[in-house]
Every structure is written in structure tokens, then in C-alpha cells.
Amino acid sequence: MAGAVAEKGKEAAVATAAAATDGWITTKLKAKFADESALEGSDINVDTSDHVVRLRGTVPSRAAKARAALIARGTENVARVVNQLVVKRM
């Protein structure tokens, strides 16, 4: 019985750590995007699940779309980036 309880606790700790890391990734990316002049005028939604970042929203140019993906890929603990950003001339 004690072994099962310990295993459940370990599983919960791993799930909590993964969620905290996903939240950290999302927060970190939002801060990086806010400080990036190439992304001015963008409306980027960041969603992170299991270390996979999904970028949605609009950016003013293809260069801005590429820059956002590059920043996301270069962020610690990001396993993959799904770039669904749309270029919308402002």
C-alpha cells in the first residue's frame, strides 16, 4: 500500500513539474516577445503543452514570423515549435 501511495506521489510531482515548466516557457516567451523590436505590432498567443510551443496570432511580416519562431526554438526546455502565425500587413 505504501509503495502505491509513493508511486502516485511521484507521478503527481512529475506532472506538476511539467506543468510548471510549460508555464515558465509561456511566461518567458511572452517576455521575450514584448522586448523584441522586430515583433512590434504583433498579436501573438503562446500556448505550451508538454514542452511544445504553439504560436498563434498575427505578425506584420514574414521576417517577424520567422523571428518569433527562432526565439521560441532558442528558449530553454522547448522541444518543438508549431508556428501558426499569420502575416497581416498593419
C-alpha atoms as a PDB file:
ATOM      1  CA  MET A   1       0.000   0.000   0.000  1.00  0.00           C
ATOM      2  CA  ALA A   2       2.772   2.447   0.933  1.00  0.00           C
ATOM      3  CA  GLY A   3       4.529   1.699  -2.360  1.00  0.00           C
ATOM      4  CA  ALA A   4       1.402   2.568  -4.350  1.00  0.00           C
ATOM      5  CA  VAL A   5       0.980   5.821  -2.438  1.00  0.00           C
ATOM      6  CA  ALA A   6       4.623   6.711  -3.026  1.00  0.00           C
ATOM      7  CA  GLU A   7       4.271   5.956  -6.749  1.00  0.00           C
ATOM      8  CA  LYS A   8       1.156   8.161  -7.005  1.00  0.00           C
ATOM      9  CA  GLY A   9       3.038  10.953  -5.238  1.00  0.00           C
ATOM     10  CA  LYS A  10       5.938  10.610  -7.656  1.00  0.00           C
ATOM     11  CA  GLU A  11       3.563  10.739 -10.656  1.00  0.00           C
ATOM     12  CA  ALA A  12       1.897  13.862  -9.259  1.00  0.00           C
ATOM     13  CA  ALA A  13       5.277  15.521  -8.704  1.00  0.00           C
ATOM     14  CA  VAL A  14       6.345  14.796 -12.284  1.00  0.00           C
ATOM     15  CA  ALA A  15       3.042  16.161 -13.655  1.00  0.00           C
ATOM     16  CA  THR A  16       3.357  19.284 -11.509  1.00  0.00           C
ATOM     17  CA  ALA A  17       6.958  19.855 -12.607  1.00  0.00           C
ATOM     18  CA  ALA A  18       5.963  19.515 -16.276  1.00  0.00           C
ATOM     19  CA  ALA A  19       3.111  21.978 -15.852  1.00  0.00           C
ATOM     20  CA  ALA A  20       5.346  24.436 -14.048  1.00  0.00           C
ATOM     21  CA  THR A  21       7.917  24.145 -16.811  1.00  0.00           C
ATOM     22  CA  ASP A  22       5.261  24.707 -19.503  1.00  0.00           C
ATOM     23  CA  GLY A  23       4.031  27.764 -17.614  1.00  0.00           C
ATOM     24  CA  TRP A  24       7.595  29.023 -17.269  1.00  0.00           C
ATOM     25  CA  ILE A  25       8.168  28.583 -21.015  1.00  0.00           C
ATOM     26  CA  THR A  26       4.996  30.516 -21.864  1.00  0.00           C
ATOM     27  CA  THR A  27       5.848  33.347 -19.474  1.00  0.00           C
ATOM     28  CA  LYS A  28       9.442  33.516 -20.690  1.00  0.00           C
ATOM     29  CA  LEU A  29       8.381  33.697 -24.340  1.00  0.00           C
ATOM     30  CA  LYS A  30       5.808  36.417 -23.721  1.00  0.00           C
ATOM     31  CA  ALA A  31       8.504  38.497 -22.016  1.00  0.00           C
ATOM     32  CA  LYS A  32      10.982  37.897 -24.844  1.00  0.00           C
ATOM     33  CA  PHE A  33       8.384  38.810 -27.481  1.00  0.00           C
ATOM     34  CA  ALA A  34       7.476  42.020 -25.617  1.00  0.00           C
ATOM     35  CA  ASP A  35      11.138  43.092 -25.646  1.00  0.00           C
ATOM     36  CA  GLU A  36      11.709  42.266 -29.335  1.00  0.00           C
ATOM     37  CA  SER A  37      11.511  45.317 -31.609  1.00  0.00           C
ATOM     38  CA  ALA A  38      11.040  43.107 -34.707  1.00  0.00           C
ATOM     39  CA  LEU A  39       7.740  41.936 -33.222  1.00  0.00           C
ATOM     40  CA  GLU A  40       6.232  45.390 -32.603  1.00  0.00           C
ATOM     41  CA  GLY A  41       2.615  45.451 -33.728  1.00  0.00           C
ATOM     42  CA  SER A  42       2.277  41.678 -33.359  1.00  0.00           C
ATOM     43  CA  ASP A  43      -0.525  39.913 -31.538  1.00  0.00           C
ATOM     44  CA  ILE A  44       0.992  36.568 -30.542  1.00  0.00           C
ATOM     45  CA  ASN A  45      -0.731  33.927 -28.451  1.00  0.00           C
ATOM     46  CA  VAL A  46       1.669  31.435 -26.820  1.00  0.00           C
ATOM     47  CA  ASP A  47       0.403  28.046 -25.674  1.00  0.00           C
ATOM     48  CA  THR A  48       2.772  25.440 -24.236  1.00  0.00           C
ATOM     49  CA  SER A  49       1.952  21.800 -23.565  1.00  0.00           C
ATOM     50  CA  ASP A  50       4.496  19.037 -22.892  1.00  0.00           C
ATOM     51  CA  HIS A  51       7.303  21.428 -23.914  1.00  0.00           C
ATOM     52  CA  VAL A  52       5.698  22.001 -27.333  1.00  0.00           C
ATOM     53  CA  VAL A  53       5.065  25.681 -28.044  1.00  0.00           C
ATOM     54  CA  ARG A  54       2.199  26.704 -30.315  1.00  0.00           C
ATOM     55  CA  LEU A  55       2.345  30.249 -31.686  1.00  0.00           C
ATOM     56  CA  ARG A  56      -0.901  31.740 -32.998  1.00  0.00           C
ATOM     57  CA  GLY A  57      -1.962  35.247 -33.925  1.00  0.00           C
ATOM     58  CA  THR A  58      -0.751  37.912 -36.307  1.00  0.00           C
ATOM     59  CA  VAL A  59       2.593  39.484 -37.133  1.00  0.00           C
ATOM     60  CA  PRO A  60       3.408  42.344 -39.524  1.00  0.00           C
ATOM     61  CA  SER A  61       5.852  40.446 -41.780  1.00  0.00           C
ATOM     62  CA  ARG A  62       7.353  37.087 -42.729  1.00  0.00           C
ATOM     63  CA  ALA A  63      10.544  38.205 -41.011  1.00  0.00           C
ATOM     64  CA  ALA A  64       8.614  38.765 -37.762  1.00  0.00           C
ATOM     65  CA  LYS A  65       7.040  35.303 -38.081  1.00  0.00           C
ATOM     66  CA  ALA A  66      10.464  33.729 -38.543  1.00  0.00           C
ATOM     67  CA  ARG A  67      11.937  35.767 -35.669  1.00  0.00           C
ATOM     68  CA  ALA A  68       9.191  34.654 -33.262  1.00  0.00           C
ATOM     69  CA  ALA A  69       9.811  31.003 -34.159  1.00  0.00           C
ATOM     70  CA  LEU A  70      13.573  31.442 -33.764  1.00  0.00           C
ATOM     71  CA  ILE A  71      13.146  32.992 -30.320  1.00  0.00           C
ATOM     72  CA  ALA A  72      10.800  30.181 -29.266  1.00  0.00           C
ATOM     73  CA  ARG A  73      13.147  27.436 -30.518  1.00  0.00           C
ATOM     74  CA  GLY A  74      16.043  29.026 -28.651  1.00  0.00           C
ATOM     75  CA  THR A  75      14.214  29.079 -25.324  1.00  0.00           C
ATOM     76  CA  GLU A  76      15.285  26.595 -22.674  1.00  0.00           C
ATOM     77  CA  ASN A  77      13.165  23.415 -22.364  1.00  0.00           C
ATOM     78  CA  VAL A  78      11.305  23.922 -25.669  1.00  0.00           C
ATOM     79  CA  ALA A  79      11.118  20.596 -27.513  1.00  0.00           C
ATOM     80  CA  ARG A  80       9.252  21.789 -30.607  1.00  0.00           C
ATOM     81  CA  VAL A  81       7.572  24.893 -32.034  1.00  0.00           C
ATOM     82  CA  VAL A  82       4.349  24.856 -34.052  1.00  0.00           C
ATOM     83  CA  ASN A  83       4.271  28.205 -35.838  1.00  0.00           C
ATOM     84  CA  GLN A  84       0.724  29.096 -36.870  1.00  0.00           C
ATOM     85  CA  LEU A  85       1.333  32.839 -37.022  1.00  0.00           C
ATOM     86  CA  VAL A  86      -0.328  34.719 -39.876  1.00  0.00           C
ATOM     87  CA  VAL A  87       1.288  37.661 -41.631  1.00  0.00           C
ATOM     88  CA  LYS A  88      -1.125  40.560 -41.626  1.00  0.00           C
ATOM     89  CA  ARG A  89       0.083  43.851 -43.014  1.00  0.00           C
ATOM     90  CA  MET A  90      -0.658  46.532 -40.459  1.00  0.00           C
END
